[in-house]
Amino acid sequence: MPRMIDLIRASAVPATLVQSAARGALSIPPAETLEILVYLARHNQVFGAQARMTLAGWDEKLALAAAADPKTPQEVLDYLIAPQNLRPKLLPALLENPAVPEPALVELAVKGSREVVEAMARSSRVAQTRSIRDALTSNANVIRLNEDQPDEPAAEMEVASTEISTALAEPELPAGVPQEGDPTQTERAEEGLEQEIGVYLRDHAAEIAAEEGKPFQPIGGIYEEGVAGGATPATNEAASAPPTVETPSPVALAAKKREEAELKRGSALQKISKLDVKGRIQLAMKGTKEERSILIRDGTKIVALAVLDSPKISDGEVEAFASQKNVLEAVLRGIPMKRRFAKHYPVIRNLVFNPRTPLDLSLSLMKNILVNDLRNLSGNKEVSDTVRKLAMKMFKQKSDTTKKHTD
């Protein structure tokens, strides 16, 4: 009897059965189901989106077993290792699987994120394969790879792994905030900040040189959502009223605060607009909260990402950045790459709810979303249809599991 995958390839089954296959609902072995899902995701225009959604939520243990098995069909491995489909937890198994072709790993080494680079730096296969090591060296996310020892690949990759891990590790609390009245600590904090800025400039020298002379161009406009000019009437009213010793009304106080904020923001914008790329990077790392809120929208990627490397940045600021629609996609991808932010639930939730977050990133983060938020996400019309459907599926699964445990 022919296998189901062969029947589907030959279009020898009804559409209703193919639809069930795209949902992963057929009573066949998981390995064959995975093969069918990948085939549909890549070749079927009708049920391909459903198959991709099912793959995004595929059981992690089953996916890990397939990623590590050299006997897994080549098309499945190609799908799993593709940058747009890659699940970070599968990467170590895929890297060591000899059936994963070397060219695919070379491509990943060139284009991979910092998380990918860190995983590849720990891989024994990468350490022993010159072409992959060379490709990894050209990745902009690699931090100071030791290129002075080309004949000692294992040592080179160990150095790279250590340095990358150090660069990715974030402090639990914002650094650079000295205790009040302690000049020695203030001096040390400033010296440490200058060193961090120097390291960032050195590590990204090639990117900075490529962007040299590029002026400040904010993504999606200057002002934050919710900051409007509606304060004018209240401000004028407050200005024209005769001076009294009475406590100002809440409306007048709010109007005054908005006016002060707008003046402060205007001053920061004037300051930023006069800076070159290096100047904006330095300001992003040691400037004020107001200046960071502007520079995170810089159209120059290397400047916007410097904001996330600032030791002064707070979790509250990052929560706001994760919700913004007027930042580069690179910023949204960079946020969960920082361990400090990745374990802060409001940040992850805001990223998933943000319609600007790349689809692959949203899908990979959804496993961390709580049940009630999954329910809200399933009804959120701003996010993609794929995210909504997967949210509903995961909500039902988690709800059923909770009921079983309760019973």
Protein backbone atom coordinates (compact mmCIF):
# COMPACT_ATOMS: atom_id res chain seq x y z
CA MET A 1 0.00 0.00 0.00
CA PRO A 2 1.46 3.40 -0.98
CA ARG A 3 2.39 5.90 1.72
CA MET A 4 0.08 8.86 2.32
CA ILE A 5 2.80 11.32 1.28
CA ASP A 6 3.07 9.59 -2.10
CA LEU A 7 -0.71 9.75 -2.60
CA ILE A 8 -0.74 13.46 -1.77
CA ARG A 9 2.12 14.15 -4.16
CA ALA A 10 0.21 12.33 -6.87
CA SER A 11 -3.00 14.28 -6.06
CA ALA A 12 -4.72 10.93 -5.51
CA VAL A 13 -6.64 11.93 -2.37
CA PRO A 14 -9.64 14.24 -1.87
CA ALA A 15 -9.18 17.86 -0.79
CA THR A 16 -10.83 17.22 2.58
CA LEU A 17 -8.15 14.66 3.43
CA VAL A 18 -5.39 17.06 2.33
CA GLN A 19 -6.92 19.72 4.56
CA SER A 20 -6.84 17.31 7.50
CA ALA A 21 -3.21 16.54 6.67
CA ALA A 22 -2.40 20.26 6.70
CA ARG A 23 -3.79 20.43 10.24
CA GLY A 24 -1.73 17.41 11.27
CA ALA A 25 -4.92 15.49 12.02
CA LEU A 26 -4.25 12.25 10.13
CA SER A 27 -3.70 8.99 12.04
CA ILE A 28 -0.24 8.31 10.64
CA PRO A 29 3.26 8.25 12.23
CA PRO A 30 4.61 11.68 13.29
CA ALA A 31 7.60 11.39 10.95
CA GLU A 32 5.35 10.95 7.91
CA THR A 33 3.04 13.71 9.12
CA LEU A 34 6.02 16.06 9.33
CA GLU A 35 7.07 15.12 5.81
CA ILE A 36 3.56 15.79 4.52
CA LEU A 37 3.36 19.15 6.30
CA VAL A 38 6.66 20.30 4.80
CA TYR A 39 5.57 19.19 1.33
CA LEU A 40 2.27 21.08 1.63
CA ALA A 41 3.98 24.14 3.10
CA ARG A 42 6.35 24.35 0.16
CA HIS A 43 4.23 23.19 -2.76
CA ASN A 44 0.50 23.51 -2.03
CA GLN A 45 -1.03 26.93 -2.65
CA VAL A 46 -4.39 26.06 -1.09
CA PHE A 47 -3.35 24.46 2.17
CA GLY A 48 0.25 25.71 2.39
CA ALA A 49 -0.52 28.46 4.94
CA GLN A 50 -2.35 26.00 7.20
CA ALA A 51 0.56 23.57 6.97
CA ARG A 52 3.07 26.29 7.89
CA MET A 53 0.97 27.24 10.89
CA THR A 54 0.83 23.59 12.02
CA LEU A 55 4.61 23.32 11.61
CA ALA A 56 5.14 26.45 13.69
CA GLY A 57 3.31 24.81 16.58
CA TRP A 58 4.66 21.29 15.99
CA ASP A 59 5.61 19.37 19.12
CA GLU A 60 9.15 20.37 20.10
CA LYS A 61 10.30 16.86 21.06
CA LEU A 62 9.12 15.42 17.75
CA ALA A 63 10.73 18.28 15.83
CA LEU A 64 13.98 17.82 17.75
CA ALA A 65 14.03 14.09 16.97
CA ALA A 66 13.59 14.83 13.26
CA ALA A 67 16.28 17.53 13.32
CA ALA A 68 18.81 15.13 14.85
CA ASP A 69 18.04 12.08 12.67
CA PRO A 70 20.26 11.68 9.57
CA LYS A 71 17.46 9.56 8.01
CA THR A 72 14.99 12.47 8.06
CA PRO A 73 13.95 13.33 4.47
CA GLN A 74 16.14 15.99 2.90
CA GLU A 75 13.20 18.28 2.15
CA VAL A 76 12.25 18.31 5.84
CA LEU A 77 15.80 19.16 6.93
CA ASP A 78 16.02 21.90 4.30
CA TYR A 79 12.79 23.39 5.63
CA LEU A 80 13.90 23.25 9.27
CA ILE A 81 17.31 24.85 8.61
CA ALA A 82 15.94 27.65 6.40
CA PRO A 83 16.42 31.00 8.23
CA GLN A 84 12.73 31.94 7.89
CA ASN A 85 11.60 28.66 9.51
CA LEU A 86 14.42 28.05 11.98
CA ARG A 87 13.45 27.31 15.58
CA PRO A 88 16.40 28.19 17.88
CA LYS A 89 16.06 25.06 20.04
CA LEU A 90 16.44 22.83 16.97
CA LEU A 91 19.64 24.52 15.77
CA PRO A 92 22.21 22.52 17.83
CA ALA A 93 20.74 19.23 16.56
CA LEU A 94 20.61 20.48 12.97
CA LEU A 95 24.21 21.70 13.12
CA GLU A 96 25.51 18.27 14.12
CA ASN A 97 23.27 16.31 11.72
CA PRO A 98 25.55 15.17 8.85
CA ALA A 99 22.54 15.03 6.51
CA VAL A 100 22.13 18.82 6.69
CA PRO A 101 24.08 20.10 3.66
CA GLU A 102 27.11 22.27 4.20
CA PRO A 103 25.91 25.05 1.82
CA ALA A 104 22.81 25.52 3.99
CA LEU A 105 24.99 26.01 7.06
CA VAL A 106 27.26 28.41 5.17
CA GLU A 107 24.23 30.53 4.25
CA LEU A 108 23.04 30.45 7.84
CA ALA A 109 26.49 31.44 9.09
CA VAL A 110 26.48 34.53 6.88
CA LYS A 111 22.94 35.71 7.64
CA GLY A 112 22.27 34.34 11.14
CA SER A 113 21.29 36.42 14.15
CA ARG A 114 23.45 36.67 17.27
CA GLU A 115 21.63 33.71 18.81
CA VAL A 116 22.43 31.65 15.71
CA VAL A 117 26.06 32.82 15.75
CA GLU A 118 26.41 31.85 19.40
CA ALA A 119 25.02 28.36 18.75
CA MET A 120 27.26 27.87 15.73
CA ALA A 121 30.30 28.96 17.72
CA ARG A 122 29.67 26.05 20.09
CA SER A 123 29.25 23.46 17.31
CA SER A 124 32.01 20.90 16.81
CA ARG A 125 31.00 20.48 13.16
CA VAL A 126 31.38 24.20 12.54
CA ALA A 127 34.76 24.19 14.29
CA GLN A 128 35.96 21.43 11.97
CA THR A 129 34.59 22.89 8.71
CA ARG A 130 36.68 25.70 7.25
CA SER A 131 34.02 27.01 4.82
CA ILE A 132 31.45 27.44 7.61
CA ARG A 133 34.01 29.10 9.91
CA ASP A 134 34.99 31.53 7.17
CA ALA A 135 31.34 32.36 6.50
CA LEU A 136 30.72 32.86 10.21
CA THR A 137 33.64 35.28 10.40
CA SER A 138 31.93 37.51 7.81
CA ASN A 139 28.71 37.71 9.86
CA ALA A 140 28.21 41.22 11.27
CA ASN A 141 26.96 39.72 14.55
CA VAL A 142 30.20 37.91 15.32
CA ILE A 143 32.04 39.63 18.15
CA ARG A 144 35.80 39.79 17.64
CA LEU A 145 36.42 36.35 16.16
CA ASN A 146 40.04 35.32 16.69
CA GLU A 147 41.34 35.25 13.13
CA ASP A 148 44.99 35.14 14.16
CA GLN A 149 44.90 31.32 14.63
CA PRO A 150 43.51 29.85 11.38
CA ASP A 151 45.19 26.51 12.03
CA GLU A 152 43.46 26.01 15.39
CA PRO A 153 39.73 26.03 14.56
CA ALA A 154 38.54 24.57 17.86
CA ALA A 155 40.40 27.20 19.87
CA GLU A 156 39.15 29.91 17.54
CA MET A 157 35.53 28.91 17.94
CA GLU A 158 35.94 28.61 21.72
CA VAL A 159 37.24 32.17 21.86
CA ALA A 160 34.39 33.32 19.64
CA SER A 161 31.80 31.53 21.76
CA THR A 162 33.13 33.07 24.98
CA GLU A 163 33.21 36.57 23.56
CA ILE A 164 29.79 36.30 21.96
CA SER A 165 28.27 34.99 25.18
CA THR A 166 29.87 37.86 27.09
CA ALA A 167 28.51 40.38 24.60
CA LEU A 168 25.00 38.94 24.77
CA ALA A 169 24.88 38.66 28.57
CA GLU A 170 23.00 41.57 30.11
CA PRO A 171 23.02 42.71 33.74
CA GLU A 172 19.95 42.11 35.86
CA LEU A 173 19.64 45.83 36.56
CA PRO A 174 20.68 48.85 34.49
CA ALA A 175 24.35 49.56 35.11
CA GLY A 176 26.07 52.91 35.20
CA VAL A 177 23.80 54.35 37.94
CA PRO A 178 26.14 55.24 40.80
CA GLN A 179 25.05 55.74 44.38
CA GLU A 180 24.28 59.33 45.22
CA GLY A 181 27.19 61.22 46.70
CA ASP A 182 29.86 58.69 45.68
CA PRO A 183 32.25 60.46 43.25
CA THR A 184 34.53 57.41 42.98
CA GLN A 185 31.69 55.19 41.84
CA THR A 186 30.50 57.89 39.43
CA GLU A 187 33.95 58.09 37.92
CA ARG A 188 34.20 54.32 37.56
CA ALA A 189 30.74 54.11 36.01
CA GLU A 190 31.65 56.77 33.44
CA GLU A 191 34.90 54.99 32.62
CA GLY A 192 33.04 51.69 32.22
CA LEU A 193 30.45 53.32 29.96
CA GLU A 194 33.14 54.86 27.77
CA GLN A 195 34.79 51.45 27.46
CA GLU A 196 31.48 49.86 26.39
CA ILE A 197 30.97 52.58 23.80
CA GLY A 198 34.52 52.03 22.52
CA VAL A 199 33.94 48.29 22.22
CA TYR A 200 30.66 48.83 20.35
CA LEU A 201 32.28 51.28 17.92
CA ARG A 202 35.20 48.93 17.33
CA ASP A 203 33.03 45.84 16.84
CA HIS A 204 30.80 47.60 14.33
CA ALA A 205 33.44 49.70 12.59
CA ALA A 206 32.63 48.31 9.14
CA GLU A 207 28.91 49.01 9.46
CA ILE A 208 29.55 52.50 10.82
CA ALA A 209 31.90 53.27 7.93
CA ALA A 210 29.25 52.10 5.45
CA GLU A 211 26.67 54.46 7.01
CA GLU A 212 29.07 57.39 7.35
CA GLY A 213 27.39 60.72 6.59
CA LYS A 214 23.85 59.35 6.87
CA PRO A 215 21.67 61.94 8.66
CA PHE A 216 19.09 61.21 11.34
CA GLN A 217 15.89 59.99 9.67
CA PRO A 218 13.31 58.66 12.14
CA ILE A 219 11.04 55.78 11.15
CA GLY A 220 7.36 56.71 10.98
CA GLY A 221 7.60 60.30 12.18
CA ILE A 222 9.03 62.08 15.19
CA TYR A 223 6.46 62.07 17.95
CA GLU A 224 5.28 59.12 19.98
CA GLU A 225 1.78 57.80 19.61
CA GLY A 226 -0.52 59.52 22.06
CA VAL A 227 1.52 62.75 22.17
CA ALA A 228 -0.69 65.22 20.43
CA GLY A 229 -1.05 68.93 20.19
CA GLY A 230 -4.37 68.86 21.97
CA ALA A 231 -2.78 70.50 24.98
CA THR A 232 -2.91 73.94 23.40
CA PRO A 233 -6.41 75.02 24.57
CA ALA A 234 -5.75 73.97 28.16
CA THR A 235 -2.35 75.67 28.06
CA ASN A 236 -3.79 78.93 26.74
CA GLU A 237 -6.55 78.87 29.31
CA ALA A 238 -4.05 78.35 32.08
CA ALA A 239 -1.87 81.17 30.72
CA SER A 240 -4.73 83.67 30.48
CA ALA A 241 -6.15 82.96 33.93
CA PRO A 242 -5.29 85.49 36.65
CA PRO A 243 -2.62 84.33 39.09
CA THR A 244 -4.01 82.82 42.25
CA VAL A 245 -2.64 80.98 45.23
CA GLU A 246 -5.02 78.07 44.62
CA THR A 247 -3.70 74.64 43.67
CA PRO A 248 -3.73 74.25 39.84
CA SER A 249 -6.39 71.96 38.45
CA PRO A 250 -5.42 68.49 37.19
CA VAL A 251 -6.15 69.64 33.63
CA ALA A 252 -3.80 72.59 33.93
CA LEU A 253 -1.09 70.42 35.47
CA ALA A 254 -1.40 67.86 32.70
CA ALA A 255 -1.25 70.59 30.07
CA LYS A 256 1.85 72.04 31.66
CA LYS A 257 3.56 68.64 31.77
CA ARG A 258 2.75 68.01 28.10
CA GLU A 259 4.12 71.40 27.14
CA GLU A 260 7.33 70.79 29.07
CA ALA A 261 7.70 67.35 27.51
CA GLU A 262 7.26 68.76 24.01
CA LEU A 263 9.83 71.49 24.65
CA LYS A 264 12.25 68.93 26.05
CA ARG A 265 11.66 66.62 23.08
CA GLY A 266 12.18 69.46 20.62
CA SER A 267 15.51 70.27 22.25
CA ALA A 268 16.59 66.61 22.07
CA LEU A 269 15.61 66.42 18.39
CA GLN A 270 17.66 69.51 17.57
CA LYS A 271 20.64 67.99 19.37
CA ILE A 272 20.31 64.62 17.60
CA SER A 273 19.84 66.13 14.14
CA LYS A 274 23.29 67.75 14.38
CA LEU A 275 25.11 64.50 15.17
CA ASP A 276 26.79 62.08 12.79
CA VAL A 277 26.41 58.30 13.07
CA LYS A 278 29.14 57.91 15.70
CA GLY A 279 27.76 60.78 17.72
CA ARG A 280 24.27 59.29 17.68
CA ILE A 281 25.63 55.88 18.77
CA GLN A 282 27.41 57.50 21.72
CA LEU A 283 24.26 59.38 22.68
CA ALA A 284 22.16 56.20 22.33
CA MET A 285 24.35 54.47 24.91
CA LYS A 286 24.88 57.26 27.43
CA GLY A 287 22.04 59.72 26.76
CA THR A 288 18.75 60.30 28.55
CA LYS A 289 15.53 58.32 28.38
CA GLU A 290 14.06 61.01 26.10
CA GLU A 291 17.01 60.76 23.71
CA ARG A 292 16.81 56.95 23.65
CA SER A 293 13.09 57.12 22.82
CA ILE A 294 13.98 59.13 19.71
CA LEU A 295 17.10 57.24 18.65
CA ILE A 296 15.35 53.85 18.83
CA ARG A 297 13.49 55.06 15.70
CA ASP A 298 16.66 56.00 13.84
CA GLY A 299 16.55 54.68 10.29
CA THR A 300 20.23 53.76 10.59
CA LYS A 301 20.15 50.24 12.03
CA ILE A 302 23.48 50.41 13.84
CA VAL A 303 22.29 53.48 15.78
CA ALA A 304 18.90 52.05 16.75
CA LEU A 305 20.49 48.80 17.96
CA ALA A 306 22.95 50.78 20.10
CA VAL A 307 19.98 51.90 22.22
CA LEU A 308 19.39 48.28 23.23
CA ASP A 309 23.05 48.02 24.28
CA SER A 310 22.81 51.04 26.57
CA PRO A 311 23.56 50.09 30.20
CA LYS A 312 21.11 52.80 31.27
CA ILE A 313 18.06 51.38 29.51
CA SER A 314 15.21 50.15 31.73
CA ASP A 315 12.80 47.24 31.31
CA GLY A 316 9.94 49.73 31.06
CA GLU A 317 11.55 51.42 28.07
CA VAL A 318 12.02 48.10 26.30
CA GLU A 319 8.39 47.18 26.96
CA ALA A 320 7.40 50.36 25.09
CA PHE A 321 9.86 49.69 22.26
CA ALA A 322 8.44 46.16 21.83
CA SER A 323 4.99 47.66 21.15
CA GLN A 324 6.10 50.33 18.68
CA LYS A 325 5.22 50.07 15.01
CA ASN A 326 7.63 52.82 13.96
CA VAL A 327 10.93 51.05 14.57
CA LEU A 328 13.08 48.91 12.29
CA GLU A 329 12.39 45.19 12.20
CA ALA A 330 16.01 44.73 13.30
CA VAL A 331 15.13 46.40 16.61
CA LEU A 332 12.22 44.04 17.24
CA ARG A 333 14.43 41.07 16.38
CA GLY A 334 17.20 42.40 18.62
CA ILE A 335 15.07 42.75 21.76
CA PRO A 336 14.58 39.03 22.54
CA MET A 337 18.23 38.37 21.73
CA LYS A 338 19.09 40.11 25.02
CA ARG A 339 18.71 37.60 27.85
CA ARG A 340 17.64 40.29 30.28
CA PHE A 341 14.70 41.27 28.07
CA ALA A 342 13.87 37.76 26.86
CA LYS A 343 12.94 36.64 30.38
CA HIS A 344 10.72 39.69 30.99
CA TYR A 345 7.22 38.51 30.10
CA PRO A 346 5.63 41.91 29.25
CA VAL A 347 8.35 42.44 26.63
CA ILE A 348 7.66 39.09 24.95
CA ARG A 349 3.90 39.64 25.10
CA ASN A 350 4.21 43.09 23.51
CA LEU A 351 6.38 41.71 20.71
CA VAL A 352 3.83 39.01 19.86
CA PHE A 353 0.96 41.52 19.90
CA ASN A 354 2.88 43.98 17.71
CA PRO A 355 1.76 43.62 14.05
CA ARG A 356 5.17 44.91 12.88
CA THR A 357 7.03 42.02 14.54
CA PRO A 358 8.26 39.62 11.80
CA LEU A 359 6.00 36.58 11.49
CA ASP A 360 8.74 34.03 12.19
CA LEU A 361 9.69 35.84 15.40
CA SER A 362 6.08 36.09 16.59
CA LEU A 363 5.51 32.38 15.97
CA SER A 364 8.66 31.40 17.84
CA LEU A 365 7.72 33.53 20.87
CA MET A 366 4.10 32.40 21.11
CA LYS A 367 4.96 29.29 23.12
CA ASN A 368 5.74 31.62 26.04
CA ILE A 369 2.37 33.40 25.99
CA LEU A 370 -0.08 32.80 28.83
CA VAL A 371 -3.56 31.36 28.25
CA ASN A 372 -5.53 34.59 28.73
CA ASP A 373 -3.20 36.49 26.44
CA LEU A 374 -3.53 33.75 23.80
CA ARG A 375 -7.29 34.21 23.90
CA ASN A 376 -6.92 37.99 23.45
CA LEU A 377 -4.37 37.46 20.69
CA SER A 378 -6.72 35.14 18.78
CA GLY A 379 -9.17 38.03 18.48
CA ASN A 380 -6.62 40.72 17.65
CA LYS A 381 -7.33 41.84 14.08
CA GLU A 382 -4.10 43.84 13.81
CA VAL A 383 -1.84 40.78 13.79
CA SER A 384 -1.64 38.34 10.88
CA ASP A 385 -4.22 35.63 10.28
CA THR A 386 -1.54 32.98 10.86
CA VAL A 387 -0.77 34.34 14.34
CA ARG A 388 -4.46 34.56 15.24
CA LYS A 389 -5.19 30.99 14.17
CA LEU A 390 -2.17 29.59 15.96
CA ALA A 391 -3.11 31.58 19.08
CA MET A 392 -6.58 30.03 19.04
CA LYS A 393 -5.13 26.55 18.57
CA MET A 394 -2.66 27.00 21.42
CA PHE A 395 -5.36 28.54 23.64
CA LYS A 396 -7.57 25.48 23.16
CA GLN A 397 -4.68 23.11 23.81
CA LYS A 398 -3.60 24.87 27.00
CA SER A 399 -7.19 25.23 28.19
CA ASP A 400 -7.80 21.50 27.69
CA THR A 401 -4.60 20.66 29.56
CA THR A 402 -5.62 22.92 32.46
CA LYS A 403 -9.07 21.28 32.63
CA LYS A 404 -7.54 17.80 32.69
CA HIS A 405 -5.24 18.77 35.55
CA THR A 406 -8.16 20.33 37.41
CA ASP A 407 -10.30 17.23 36.95
